[in-house]
């Protein structure tokens, strides 16, 4: 049995595009991209979901809590799920919030730190760094993500650079999917399906 950990934010958790703030909804397991991935890979694979809405690469959130720091909690999550064959890291969207004012270089550096953490605490696992599609100002999240699209422009380049630097695989999700027009951040059900199938195809090329 090959074990895959999917570590991410609300788009791994399965939050639908939001019409208003404060909505607490989640796509069902077979609609989320992680569920699509599980069904596509079939027998012989276990897909573990570890998505938290608001999670950043490595930054405590001054408004939503210190536990949003993805690097701080990753060692415990890795140790609790070992042994692992593959860790998929898809974070960075929340780093684009205006309150952090980070560049694509900064966010890519945070992802490199996560890759190094995987190497230390789950040494048997390969790592796949996924660059999320760029967030943009829309709907109820527009002010929270002011300037996100501009800051996101260099993310794929720096993710690819730091993935290579860390010896991890790289996948640019923005080449096949986009965030929903409703809130500029989350994925539609159709988009989850596209991503899940693409990730399954990508994993089939990896020798686990």
N, C-alpha and C. Protein backbone atom coordinates (compact mmCIF):
# COMPACT_ATOMS: atom_id res chain seq x y z
N UNK A 1 0.84 -1.20 0.00
CA UNK A 1 0.00 0.00 0.00
C UNK A 1 0.88 1.25 0.00
N UNK A 2 0.74 2.08 -1.02
CA UNK A 2 1.47 3.35 -1.10
C UNK A 2 0.65 4.44 -0.40
N UNK A 3 1.32 5.20 0.46
CA UNK A 3 0.62 6.18 1.29
C UNK A 3 1.01 7.60 0.87
N UNK A 4 0.00 8.39 0.54
CA UNK A 4 0.21 9.75 0.03
C UNK A 4 -0.45 10.74 1.00
N UNK A 5 0.33 11.69 1.48
CA UNK A 5 -0.18 12.76 2.34
C UNK A 5 -0.37 14.02 1.52
N UNK A 6 -1.59 14.58 1.54
CA UNK A 6 -1.89 15.83 0.84
C UNK A 6 -1.99 16.94 1.89
N UNK A 7 -1.01 17.83 1.88
CA UNK A 7 -0.90 18.86 2.91
C UNK A 7 -1.20 20.21 2.28
N UNK A 8 -2.28 20.86 2.75
CA UNK A 8 -2.66 22.10 2.10
C UNK A 8 -3.57 22.96 2.95
N UNK A 9 -4.33 23.81 2.26
CA UNK A 9 -5.19 24.80 2.92
C UNK A 9 -6.66 24.50 2.61
N UNK A 10 -7.46 25.54 2.44
CA UNK A 10 -8.89 25.34 2.21
C UNK A 10 -9.18 24.62 0.90
N UNK A 11 -8.30 24.73 -0.06
CA UNK A 11 -8.54 24.05 -1.34
C UNK A 11 -8.19 22.58 -1.27
N UNK A 12 -7.48 22.15 -0.23
CA UNK A 12 -7.32 20.73 0.05
C UNK A 12 -8.41 20.26 1.01
N UNK A 13 -8.82 21.13 1.90
CA UNK A 13 -9.95 20.85 2.80
C UNK A 13 -11.25 20.68 2.02
N UNK A 14 -11.41 21.48 0.94
CA UNK A 14 -12.60 21.37 0.10
C UNK A 14 -13.61 22.47 0.28
N UNK A 15 -13.17 23.67 0.68
CA UNK A 15 -14.08 24.80 0.83
C UNK A 15 -14.58 25.25 -0.55
N UNK A 16 -15.87 25.33 -0.77
CA UNK A 16 -16.39 25.81 -2.05
C UNK A 16 -16.18 27.33 -2.17
N UNK A 17 -16.29 27.88 -3.37
CA UNK A 17 -16.27 29.34 -3.52
C UNK A 17 -17.33 29.99 -2.63
N UNK A 18 -16.95 31.08 -1.98
CA UNK A 18 -17.81 31.70 -0.98
C UNK A 18 -18.61 32.86 -1.55
N UNK A 19 -19.89 32.87 -1.24
CA UNK A 19 -20.73 34.02 -1.60
C UNK A 19 -20.61 35.12 -0.55
N UNK A 20 -20.50 34.72 0.71
CA UNK A 20 -20.37 35.67 1.81
C UNK A 20 -19.36 35.13 2.82
N UNK A 21 -18.80 36.02 3.63
CA UNK A 21 -17.90 35.60 4.69
C UNK A 21 -18.67 34.82 5.75
N UNK A 22 -17.98 33.92 6.41
CA UNK A 22 -18.59 33.17 7.51
C UNK A 22 -19.28 31.89 7.10
N UNK A 23 -19.34 31.59 5.82
CA UNK A 23 -19.94 30.32 5.39
C UNK A 23 -19.03 29.17 5.79
N UNK A 24 -19.61 28.12 6.30
CA UNK A 24 -18.85 26.96 6.77
C UNK A 24 -19.32 25.73 6.02
N UNK A 25 -18.83 25.59 4.80
CA UNK A 25 -19.25 24.48 3.95
C UNK A 25 -18.03 23.73 3.45
N UNK A 26 -18.27 22.52 2.98
CA UNK A 26 -17.18 21.68 2.47
C UNK A 26 -17.73 20.72 1.43
N UNK A 27 -17.01 20.58 0.33
CA UNK A 27 -17.40 19.58 -0.66
C UNK A 27 -17.31 18.19 -0.04
N UNK A 28 -18.12 17.26 -0.54
CA UNK A 28 -18.09 15.89 -0.02
C UNK A 28 -16.80 15.20 -0.46
N UNK A 29 -16.45 14.08 0.19
CA UNK A 29 -15.16 13.43 -0.07
C UNK A 29 -14.90 13.06 -1.52
N UNK A 30 -15.95 12.69 -2.26
CA UNK A 30 -15.75 12.27 -3.64
C UNK A 30 -15.70 13.43 -4.61
N UNK A 31 -16.00 14.64 -4.14
CA UNK A 31 -15.90 15.83 -4.98
C UNK A 31 -14.56 16.53 -4.81
N UNK A 32 -14.00 16.47 -3.62
CA UNK A 32 -12.70 17.11 -3.35
C UNK A 32 -11.62 16.50 -4.24
N UNK A 33 -10.63 17.30 -4.61
CA UNK A 33 -9.59 16.78 -5.50
C UNK A 33 -8.85 15.60 -4.89
N UNK A 34 -8.74 15.58 -3.58
CA UNK A 34 -8.09 14.46 -2.91
C UNK A 34 -8.90 13.18 -3.07
N UNK A 35 -10.23 13.31 -3.04
CA UNK A 35 -11.08 12.15 -3.26
C UNK A 35 -11.04 11.67 -4.71
N UNK A 36 -11.01 12.62 -5.63
CA UNK A 36 -10.84 12.27 -7.05
C UNK A 36 -9.52 11.53 -7.24
N UNK A 37 -8.47 12.05 -6.61
CA UNK A 37 -7.16 11.41 -6.69
C UNK A 37 -7.22 9.98 -6.16
N UNK A 38 -7.85 9.80 -5.02
CA UNK A 38 -7.97 8.46 -4.42
C UNK A 38 -8.70 7.51 -5.37
N UNK A 39 -9.79 7.97 -5.94
CA UNK A 39 -10.58 7.12 -6.82
C UNK A 39 -9.86 6.82 -8.13
N UNK A 40 -9.11 7.80 -8.63
CA UNK A 40 -8.36 7.60 -9.86
C UNK A 40 -7.22 6.59 -9.68
N UNK A 41 -6.53 6.69 -8.54
CA UNK A 41 -5.39 5.79 -8.30
C UNK A 41 -5.85 4.38 -7.99
N UNK A 42 -6.96 4.26 -7.29
CA UNK A 42 -7.55 2.95 -7.03
C UNK A 42 -6.82 2.16 -5.95
N UNK A 43 -7.01 0.84 -6.00
CA UNK A 43 -6.44 -0.05 -4.99
C UNK A 43 -4.93 0.08 -4.95
N UNK A 44 -4.39 -0.05 -3.76
CA UNK A 44 -2.94 0.03 -3.60
C UNK A 44 -2.45 1.39 -3.17
N UNK A 45 -3.38 2.37 -3.05
CA UNK A 45 -3.00 3.72 -2.63
C UNK A 45 -3.91 4.19 -1.50
N UNK A 46 -3.31 4.79 -0.50
CA UNK A 46 -4.04 5.46 0.56
C UNK A 46 -3.75 6.95 0.47
N UNK A 47 -4.81 7.76 0.35
CA UNK A 47 -4.66 9.21 0.23
C UNK A 47 -5.13 9.84 1.55
N UNK A 48 -4.23 10.54 2.20
CA UNK A 48 -4.49 11.14 3.51
C UNK A 48 -4.68 12.64 3.32
N UNK A 49 -5.84 13.15 3.74
CA UNK A 49 -6.14 14.58 3.60
C UNK A 49 -5.71 15.34 4.85
N UNK A 50 -4.92 16.39 4.65
CA UNK A 50 -4.54 17.28 5.75
C UNK A 50 -4.66 18.72 5.24
N UNK A 51 -5.90 19.17 5.08
CA UNK A 51 -6.17 20.52 4.62
C UNK A 51 -6.76 21.36 5.75
N UNK A 52 -6.26 22.58 5.89
CA UNK A 52 -6.77 23.50 6.91
C UNK A 52 -7.02 24.87 6.29
N UNK A 53 -8.27 25.34 6.27
CA UNK A 53 -8.54 26.67 5.75
C UNK A 53 -7.72 27.74 6.48
N UNK A 54 -7.05 28.58 5.71
CA UNK A 54 -6.24 29.65 6.27
C UNK A 54 -4.78 29.30 6.47
N UNK A 55 -4.39 28.05 6.26
CA UNK A 55 -2.99 27.64 6.51
C UNK A 55 -2.03 28.35 5.55
N UNK A 56 -0.93 28.83 6.08
CA UNK A 56 0.14 29.45 5.29
C UNK A 56 1.32 28.49 5.19
N UNK A 57 2.32 28.90 4.42
CA UNK A 57 3.52 28.08 4.34
C UNK A 57 4.24 28.04 5.68
N UNK A 58 4.53 29.20 6.25
CA UNK A 58 5.34 29.23 7.48
C UNK A 58 5.12 30.50 8.30
N UNK A 59 3.90 31.04 8.25
CA UNK A 59 3.65 32.32 8.93
C UNK A 59 2.47 32.21 9.89
N UNK A 60 2.68 32.49 11.17
CA UNK A 60 1.54 32.61 12.08
C UNK A 60 0.65 33.75 11.61
N UNK A 61 -0.65 33.55 11.64
CA UNK A 61 -1.56 34.59 11.18
C UNK A 61 -1.97 35.47 12.36
N UNK A 62 -1.71 36.78 12.28
CA UNK A 62 -2.02 37.65 13.42
C UNK A 62 -3.51 37.77 13.71
N UNK A 63 -4.36 37.43 12.74
CA UNK A 63 -5.80 37.51 12.92
C UNK A 63 -6.45 36.15 13.15
N UNK A 64 -5.97 35.13 12.45
CA UNK A 64 -6.62 33.82 12.50
C UNK A 64 -5.93 32.84 13.43
N UNK A 65 -4.72 33.15 13.88
CA UNK A 65 -4.07 32.29 14.86
C UNK A 65 -2.70 31.78 14.46
N UNK A 66 -1.88 31.51 15.46
CA UNK A 66 -0.52 31.01 15.22
C UNK A 66 -0.53 29.62 14.61
N UNK A 67 -1.61 28.85 14.84
CA UNK A 67 -1.68 27.48 14.32
C UNK A 67 -1.83 27.43 12.80
N UNK A 68 -1.99 28.60 12.16
CA UNK A 68 -2.04 28.63 10.70
C UNK A 68 -0.66 28.46 10.07
N UNK A 69 0.38 28.50 10.86
CA UNK A 69 1.76 28.33 10.40
C UNK A 69 1.96 26.88 9.97
N UNK A 70 2.02 26.66 8.66
CA UNK A 70 2.11 25.29 8.15
C UNK A 70 3.39 24.58 8.50
N UNK A 71 4.48 25.32 8.65
CA UNK A 71 5.77 24.70 8.99
C UNK A 71 5.79 24.25 10.44
N UNK A 72 5.18 25.02 11.33
CA UNK A 72 5.23 24.72 12.76
C UNK A 72 4.56 23.40 13.10
N UNK A 73 3.46 23.08 12.41
CA UNK A 73 2.71 21.87 12.76
C UNK A 73 3.07 20.67 11.88
N UNK A 74 3.81 20.90 10.80
CA UNK A 74 4.09 19.81 9.86
C UNK A 74 4.86 18.66 10.49
N UNK A 75 5.88 18.87 11.33
CA UNK A 75 6.58 17.72 11.91
C UNK A 75 5.66 16.75 12.63
N UNK A 76 4.72 17.27 13.42
CA UNK A 76 3.80 16.39 14.14
C UNK A 76 2.91 15.63 13.18
N UNK A 77 2.46 16.29 12.13
CA UNK A 77 1.59 15.62 11.15
C UNK A 77 2.35 14.52 10.42
N UNK A 78 3.57 14.80 10.04
CA UNK A 78 4.38 13.78 9.36
C UNK A 78 4.63 12.58 10.26
N UNK A 79 5.00 12.85 11.50
CA UNK A 79 5.30 11.76 12.43
C UNK A 79 4.04 10.93 12.72
N UNK A 80 2.89 11.57 12.74
CA UNK A 80 1.66 10.83 13.05
C UNK A 80 1.19 9.96 11.89
N UNK A 81 1.65 10.26 10.67
CA UNK A 81 1.21 9.50 9.51
C UNK A 81 2.30 8.61 8.90
N UNK A 82 3.52 8.69 9.40
CA UNK A 82 4.58 7.82 8.87
C UNK A 82 4.23 6.35 9.03
N UNK A 83 4.72 5.48 8.13
CA UNK A 83 5.59 5.79 6.98
C UNK A 83 4.78 6.31 5.79
N UNK A 84 5.40 7.23 5.06
CA UNK A 84 4.77 7.84 3.89
C UNK A 84 5.63 7.60 2.66
N UNK A 85 4.97 7.48 1.51
CA UNK A 85 5.68 7.32 0.25
C UNK A 85 5.78 8.62 -0.53
N UNK A 86 4.77 9.49 -0.36
CA UNK A 86 4.76 10.76 -1.09
C UNK A 86 4.03 11.80 -0.25
N UNK A 87 4.60 13.01 -0.21
CA UNK A 87 3.94 14.15 0.43
C UNK A 87 3.70 15.21 -0.64
N UNK A 88 2.44 15.55 -0.85
CA UNK A 88 2.06 16.62 -1.78
C UNK A 88 1.85 17.89 -0.98
N UNK A 89 2.63 18.91 -1.28
CA UNK A 89 2.53 20.20 -0.60
C UNK A 89 1.88 21.20 -1.53
N UNK A 90 0.69 21.67 -1.19
CA UNK A 90 0.05 22.71 -1.99
C UNK A 90 -0.40 23.84 -1.05
N UNK A 91 0.49 24.77 -0.83
CA UNK A 91 0.24 25.93 0.01
C UNK A 91 0.75 27.18 -0.71
N UNK A 92 0.42 28.33 -0.15
CA UNK A 92 0.88 29.60 -0.72
C UNK A 92 -0.24 30.57 -1.00
N UNK A 93 -1.46 30.06 -1.17
CA UNK A 93 -2.58 30.96 -1.45
C UNK A 93 -2.80 31.95 -0.31
N UNK A 94 -2.79 31.48 0.92
CA UNK A 94 -3.02 32.38 2.05
C UNK A 94 -1.86 33.32 2.31
N UNK A 95 -0.67 32.94 1.83
CA UNK A 95 0.48 33.84 1.92
C UNK A 95 0.27 35.09 1.06
N UNK A 96 -0.67 35.00 0.11
CA UNK A 96 -0.96 36.13 -0.77
C UNK A 96 -1.89 37.16 -0.14
N UNK A 97 -2.38 36.91 1.06
CA UNK A 97 -3.22 37.89 1.72
C UNK A 97 -2.46 39.20 1.92
N UNK A 98 -3.17 40.29 1.79
CA UNK A 98 -2.56 41.62 1.89
C UNK A 98 -1.83 41.81 3.22
N UNK A 99 -2.31 41.20 4.28
CA UNK A 99 -1.71 41.40 5.61
C UNK A 99 -0.27 40.89 5.68
N UNK A 100 0.10 39.94 4.81
CA UNK A 100 1.45 39.40 4.83
C UNK A 100 2.39 40.14 3.88
N UNK A 101 1.85 40.67 2.78
CA UNK A 101 2.64 41.45 1.81
C UNK A 101 3.90 40.71 1.38
N UNK A 102 3.77 39.46 0.98
CA UNK A 102 4.91 38.64 0.58
C UNK A 102 5.06 38.62 -0.93
N UNK A 103 6.28 38.42 -1.37
CA UNK A 103 6.57 38.28 -2.80
C UNK A 103 6.52 36.80 -3.19
N UNK A 104 6.54 36.54 -4.49
CA UNK A 104 6.61 35.17 -4.97
C UNK A 104 7.87 34.48 -4.48
N UNK A 105 8.96 35.22 -4.39
CA UNK A 105 10.21 34.67 -3.86
C UNK A 105 10.03 34.24 -2.41
N UNK A 106 9.42 35.11 -1.61
CA UNK A 106 9.20 34.80 -0.19
C UNK A 106 8.36 33.54 -0.03
N UNK A 107 7.29 33.44 -0.80
CA UNK A 107 6.39 32.30 -0.67
C UNK A 107 7.08 31.02 -1.14
N UNK A 108 7.84 31.11 -2.22
CA UNK A 108 8.62 29.96 -2.67
C UNK A 108 9.63 29.51 -1.63
N UNK A 109 10.24 30.47 -0.95
CA UNK A 109 11.20 30.14 0.11
C UNK A 109 10.50 29.38 1.23
N UNK A 110 9.28 29.80 1.55
CA UNK A 110 8.52 29.08 2.56
C UNK A 110 8.24 27.65 2.16
N UNK A 111 7.95 27.43 0.89
CA UNK A 111 7.72 26.08 0.40
C UNK A 111 8.99 25.23 0.48
N UNK A 112 10.13 25.84 0.20
CA UNK A 112 11.40 25.11 0.33
C UNK A 112 11.58 24.63 1.77
N UNK A 113 11.23 25.49 2.74
CA UNK A 113 11.34 25.09 4.15
C UNK A 113 10.46 23.89 4.46
N UNK A 114 9.28 23.85 3.85
CA UNK A 114 8.40 22.70 4.04
C UNK A 114 9.01 21.43 3.46
N UNK A 115 9.62 21.55 2.29
CA UNK A 115 10.28 20.40 1.67
C UNK A 115 11.40 19.87 2.56
N UNK A 116 12.16 20.77 3.14
CA UNK A 116 13.25 20.37 4.03
C UNK A 116 12.71 19.69 5.28
N UNK A 117 11.55 20.14 5.74
CA UNK A 117 10.90 19.51 6.89
C UNK A 117 10.49 18.07 6.56
N UNK A 118 9.93 17.87 5.37
CA UNK A 118 9.55 16.52 4.95
C UNK A 118 10.78 15.62 4.92
N UNK A 119 11.88 16.13 4.38
CA UNK A 119 13.11 15.33 4.28
C UNK A 119 13.61 14.91 5.66
N UNK A 120 13.40 15.78 6.65
CA UNK A 120 13.88 15.48 8.00
C UNK A 120 12.96 14.54 8.76
N UNK A 121 11.64 14.75 8.65
CA UNK A 121 10.71 14.01 9.50
C UNK A 121 10.00 12.85 8.79
N UNK A 122 10.10 12.79 7.47
CA UNK A 122 9.55 11.65 6.72
C UNK A 122 10.56 11.28 5.64
N UNK A 123 11.75 10.83 6.04
CA UNK A 123 12.84 10.63 5.08
C UNK A 123 12.57 9.59 4.01
N UNK A 124 11.60 8.71 4.23
CA UNK A 124 11.29 7.70 3.21
C UNK A 124 10.39 8.23 2.11
N UNK A 125 9.85 9.45 2.30
CA UNK A 125 8.86 10.00 1.36
C UNK A 125 9.49 10.88 0.30
N UNK A 126 8.95 10.81 -0.90
CA UNK A 126 9.24 11.80 -1.92
C UNK A 126 8.31 12.99 -1.70
N UNK A 127 8.70 14.14 -2.26
CA UNK A 127 7.91 15.36 -2.09
C UNK A 127 7.53 15.92 -3.45
N UNK A 128 6.28 16.33 -3.58
CA UNK A 128 5.81 17.02 -4.78
C UNK A 128 5.29 18.39 -4.36
N UNK A 129 5.95 19.44 -4.84
CA UNK A 129 5.56 20.81 -4.54
C UNK A 129 4.60 21.29 -5.63
N UNK A 130 3.42 21.68 -5.22
CA UNK A 130 2.39 22.14 -6.16
C UNK A 130 2.19 23.64 -5.98
N UNK A 131 2.37 24.39 -7.06
CA UNK A 131 2.10 25.82 -7.03
C UNK A 131 0.61 26.02 -7.32
N UNK A 132 -0.13 26.62 -6.38
CA UNK A 132 -1.57 26.82 -6.62
C UNK A 132 -1.81 27.87 -7.69
N UNK A 133 -2.98 27.86 -8.31
CA UNK A 133 -3.29 28.91 -9.27
C UNK A 133 -3.36 30.26 -8.56
N UNK A 134 -3.06 31.34 -9.25
CA UNK A 134 -3.03 32.65 -8.58
C UNK A 134 -4.39 33.08 -8.06
N UNK A 135 -4.39 33.54 -6.80
CA UNK A 135 -5.58 34.16 -6.25
C UNK A 135 -5.72 35.57 -6.82
N UNK A 136 -6.93 36.11 -6.78
CA UNK A 136 -7.16 37.46 -7.29
C UNK A 136 -8.31 38.09 -6.53
N UNK A 137 -8.45 39.39 -6.66
CA UNK A 137 -9.46 40.14 -5.93
C UNK A 137 -10.85 39.90 -6.53
N UNK A 138 -11.73 39.32 -5.72
CA UNK A 138 -13.10 39.08 -6.19
C UNK A 138 -14.02 38.86 -5.00
N UNK A 139 -15.25 39.29 -5.13
CA UNK A 139 -16.30 38.98 -4.17
C UNK A 139 -15.97 39.36 -2.74
N UNK A 140 -16.40 38.50 -1.83
CA UNK A 140 -16.29 38.80 -0.40
C UNK A 140 -14.86 38.74 0.11
N UNK A 141 -13.93 38.17 -0.67
CA UNK A 141 -12.54 38.08 -0.24
C UNK A 141 -11.65 39.11 -0.91
N UNK A 142 -12.24 40.01 -1.69
CA UNK A 142 -11.45 40.95 -2.50
C UNK A 142 -10.50 41.79 -1.65
N UNK A 143 -10.99 42.39 -0.58
CA UNK A 143 -10.13 43.27 0.22
C UNK A 143 -9.05 42.47 0.94
N UNK A 144 -9.36 41.28 1.38
CA UNK A 144 -8.39 40.44 2.06
C UNK A 144 -7.21 40.09 1.15
N UNK A 145 -7.50 39.96 -0.15
CA UNK A 145 -6.48 39.55 -1.12
C UNK A 145 -6.10 40.70 -2.07
N UNK A 146 -6.17 41.92 -1.59
CA UNK A 146 -5.78 43.07 -2.40
C UNK A 146 -4.36 42.89 -2.93
N UNK A 147 -4.18 43.01 -4.24
CA UNK A 147 -2.87 42.90 -4.86
C UNK A 147 -2.35 41.49 -5.03
N UNK A 148 -3.16 40.49 -4.73
CA UNK A 148 -2.70 39.09 -4.77
C UNK A 148 -2.26 38.66 -6.16
N UNK A 149 -3.02 39.03 -7.18
CA UNK A 149 -2.70 38.56 -8.54
C UNK A 149 -1.32 39.02 -8.97
N UNK A 150 -0.97 40.25 -8.64
CA UNK A 150 0.35 40.76 -9.01
C UNK A 150 1.44 40.04 -8.25
N UNK A 151 1.26 39.82 -6.96
CA UNK A 151 2.27 39.14 -6.16
C UNK A 151 2.42 37.68 -6.57
N UNK A 152 1.34 37.10 -7.12
CA UNK A 152 1.37 35.69 -7.49
C UNK A 152 2.09 35.42 -8.81
N UNK A 153 2.35 36.46 -9.58
CA UNK A 153 2.88 36.25 -10.93
C UNK A 153 4.19 35.46 -10.96
N UNK A 154 5.06 35.68 -9.98
CA UNK A 154 6.36 35.01 -10.00
C UNK A 154 6.38 33.71 -9.20
N UNK A 155 5.26 33.35 -8.60
CA UNK A 155 5.25 32.13 -7.78
C UNK A 155 5.65 30.87 -8.54
N UNK A 156 5.11 30.61 -9.73
CA UNK A 156 5.51 29.37 -10.42
C UNK A 156 7.02 29.29 -10.67
N UNK A 157 7.62 30.41 -11.04
CA UNK A 157 9.06 30.41 -11.30
C UNK A 157 9.85 30.08 -10.05
N UNK A 158 9.48 30.69 -8.92
CA UNK A 158 10.22 30.45 -7.68
C UNK A 158 9.90 29.09 -7.08
N UNK A 159 8.68 28.62 -7.25
CA UNK A 159 8.37 27.26 -6.78
C UNK A 159 9.23 26.25 -7.53
N UNK A 160 9.31 26.39 -8.83
CA UNK A 160 10.14 25.47 -9.63
C UNK A 160 11.59 25.53 -9.18
N UNK A 161 12.08 26.74 -8.94
CA UNK A 161 13.47 26.91 -8.50
C UNK A 161 13.72 26.23 -7.16
N UNK A 162 12.86 26.49 -6.18
CA UNK A 162 13.09 25.95 -4.84
C UNK A 162 12.77 24.47 -4.76
N UNK A 163 11.86 23.97 -5.61
CA UNK A 163 11.62 22.53 -5.66
C UNK A 163 12.88 21.82 -6.13
N UNK A 164 13.49 22.33 -7.19
CA UNK A 164 14.73 21.74 -7.69
C UNK A 164 15.82 21.82 -6.63
N UNK A 165 15.89 22.94 -5.94
CA UNK A 165 16.89 23.14 -4.90
C UNK A 165 16.73 22.12 -3.78
N UNK A 166 15.48 21.75 -3.48
CA UNK A 166 15.20 20.83 -2.38
C UNK A 166 15.12 19.37 -2.84
N UNK A 167 15.28 19.13 -4.14
CA UNK A 167 15.18 17.77 -4.65
C UNK A 167 13.76 17.24 -4.70
N UNK A 168 12.80 18.15 -4.81
CA UNK A 168 11.38 17.77 -4.86
C UNK A 168 10.84 17.85 -6.28
N UNK A 169 9.74 17.18 -6.53
CA UNK A 169 9.05 17.34 -7.79
C UNK A 169 8.29 18.65 -7.80
N UNK A 170 7.87 19.08 -8.99
CA UNK A 170 7.17 20.36 -9.12
C UNK A 170 6.00 20.20 -10.08
N UNK A 171 4.87 20.81 -9.70
CA UNK A 171 3.69 20.81 -10.56
C UNK A 171 3.04 22.18 -10.47
N UNK A 172 2.81 22.82 -11.60
CA UNK A 172 2.18 24.13 -11.65
C UNK A 172 0.69 23.97 -11.93
N UNK A 173 -0.11 23.99 -10.85
CA UNK A 173 -1.55 23.79 -11.02
C UNK A 173 -2.20 24.92 -11.81
N UNK A 174 -1.59 26.11 -11.79
CA UNK A 174 -2.14 27.24 -12.51
C UNK A 174 -2.14 27.06 -14.02
N UNK A 175 -1.45 26.07 -14.52
CA UNK A 175 -1.43 25.80 -15.96
C UNK A 175 -2.67 25.04 -16.41
N UNK A 176 -3.40 24.45 -15.44
CA UNK A 176 -4.57 23.65 -15.84
C UNK A 176 -5.86 24.10 -15.16
N UNK A 177 -5.77 24.86 -14.06
CA UNK A 177 -6.97 25.29 -13.35
C UNK A 177 -6.84 26.76 -12.95
N UNK A 178 -7.97 27.35 -12.54
CA UNK A 178 -7.99 28.72 -12.04
C UNK A 178 -8.93 28.79 -10.84
N UNK A 179 -8.70 29.77 -9.99
CA UNK A 179 -9.61 30.00 -8.87
C UNK A 179 -10.94 30.52 -9.41
N UNK A 180 -12.00 30.28 -8.68
CA UNK A 180 -13.34 30.64 -9.12
C UNK A 180 -13.56 32.15 -9.13
N UNK A 181 -14.32 32.62 -10.09
CA UNK A 181 -14.61 34.05 -10.21
C UNK A 181 -15.44 34.59 -9.04
N UNK A 182 -16.12 33.70 -8.31
CA UNK A 182 -16.99 34.16 -7.23
C UNK A 182 -16.21 34.80 -6.10
N UNK A 183 -15.10 34.17 -5.69
CA UNK A 183 -14.32 34.75 -4.59
C UNK A 183 -12.82 34.88 -4.87
N UNK A 184 -12.38 34.42 -6.05
CA UNK A 184 -10.98 34.60 -6.45
C UNK A 184 -9.98 33.74 -5.72
N UNK A 185 -10.44 32.79 -4.91
CA UNK A 185 -9.53 31.99 -4.08
C UNK A 185 -9.81 30.49 -4.17
N UNK A 186 -11.06 30.11 -4.11
CA UNK A 186 -11.41 28.69 -3.99
C UNK A 186 -11.73 28.05 -5.33
N UNK A 187 -11.73 26.71 -5.31
CA UNK A 187 -11.96 25.92 -6.52
C UNK A 187 -13.43 25.48 -6.60
N UNK A 188 -13.98 25.47 -7.80
CA UNK A 188 -15.31 24.91 -8.02
C UNK A 188 -15.23 23.39 -7.99
N UNK A 189 -16.38 22.74 -7.96
CA UNK A 189 -16.42 21.28 -8.00
C UNK A 189 -15.77 20.75 -9.27
N UNK A 190 -16.04 21.40 -10.40
CA UNK A 190 -15.43 20.98 -11.67
C UNK A 190 -13.92 21.11 -11.60
N UNK A 191 -13.44 22.19 -11.02
CA UNK A 191 -12.00 22.42 -10.92
C UNK A 191 -11.34 21.36 -10.04
N UNK A 192 -12.00 20.98 -8.95
CA UNK A 192 -11.47 19.89 -8.11
C UNK A 192 -11.30 18.63 -8.95
N UNK A 193 -12.25 18.35 -9.79
CA UNK A 193 -12.15 17.16 -10.62
C UNK A 193 -10.97 17.22 -11.58
N UNK A 194 -10.79 18.36 -12.21
CA UNK A 194 -9.66 18.53 -13.14
C UNK A 194 -8.34 18.34 -12.42
N UNK A 195 -8.21 18.97 -11.24
CA UNK A 195 -6.96 18.87 -10.49
C UNK A 195 -6.73 17.45 -10.01
N UNK A 196 -7.75 16.81 -9.49
CA UNK A 196 -7.58 15.45 -8.99
C UNK A 196 -7.11 14.48 -10.06
N UNK A 197 -7.70 14.59 -11.25
CA UNK A 197 -7.29 13.70 -12.35
C UNK A 197 -5.88 14.03 -12.82
N UNK A 198 -5.54 15.31 -12.86
CA UNK A 198 -4.19 15.70 -13.28
C UNK A 198 -3.14 15.23 -12.27
N UNK A 199 -3.47 15.33 -10.98
CA UNK A 199 -2.54 14.87 -9.96
C UNK A 199 -2.34 13.36 -10.04
N UNK A 200 -3.39 12.63 -10.31
CA UNK A 200 -3.26 11.18 -10.47
C UNK A 200 -2.35 10.84 -11.63
N UNK A 201 -2.51 11.55 -12.76
CA UNK A 201 -1.64 11.32 -13.91
C UNK A 201 -0.20 11.65 -13.56
N UNK A 202 0.01 12.72 -12.80
CA UNK A 202 1.36 13.10 -12.40
C UNK A 202 1.98 12.05 -11.49
N UNK A 203 1.21 11.54 -10.56
CA UNK A 203 1.74 10.55 -9.61
C UNK A 203 2.08 9.25 -10.32
N UNK A 204 1.35 8.91 -11.36
CA UNK A 204 1.65 7.68 -12.10
C UNK A 204 3.02 7.75 -12.76
N UNK A 205 3.56 8.95 -12.93
CA UNK A 205 4.89 9.09 -13.54
C UNK A 205 5.99 9.03 -12.48
N UNK A 206 5.62 9.02 -11.20
CA UNK A 206 6.59 8.99 -10.12
C UNK A 206 6.82 7.56 -9.67
N UNK A 207 8.05 7.22 -9.49
CA UNK A 207 8.37 5.85 -9.06
C UNK A 207 8.33 5.80 -7.53
N UNK A 208 7.21 5.34 -6.98
CA UNK A 208 7.04 5.28 -5.53
C UNK A 208 7.50 3.93 -4.98
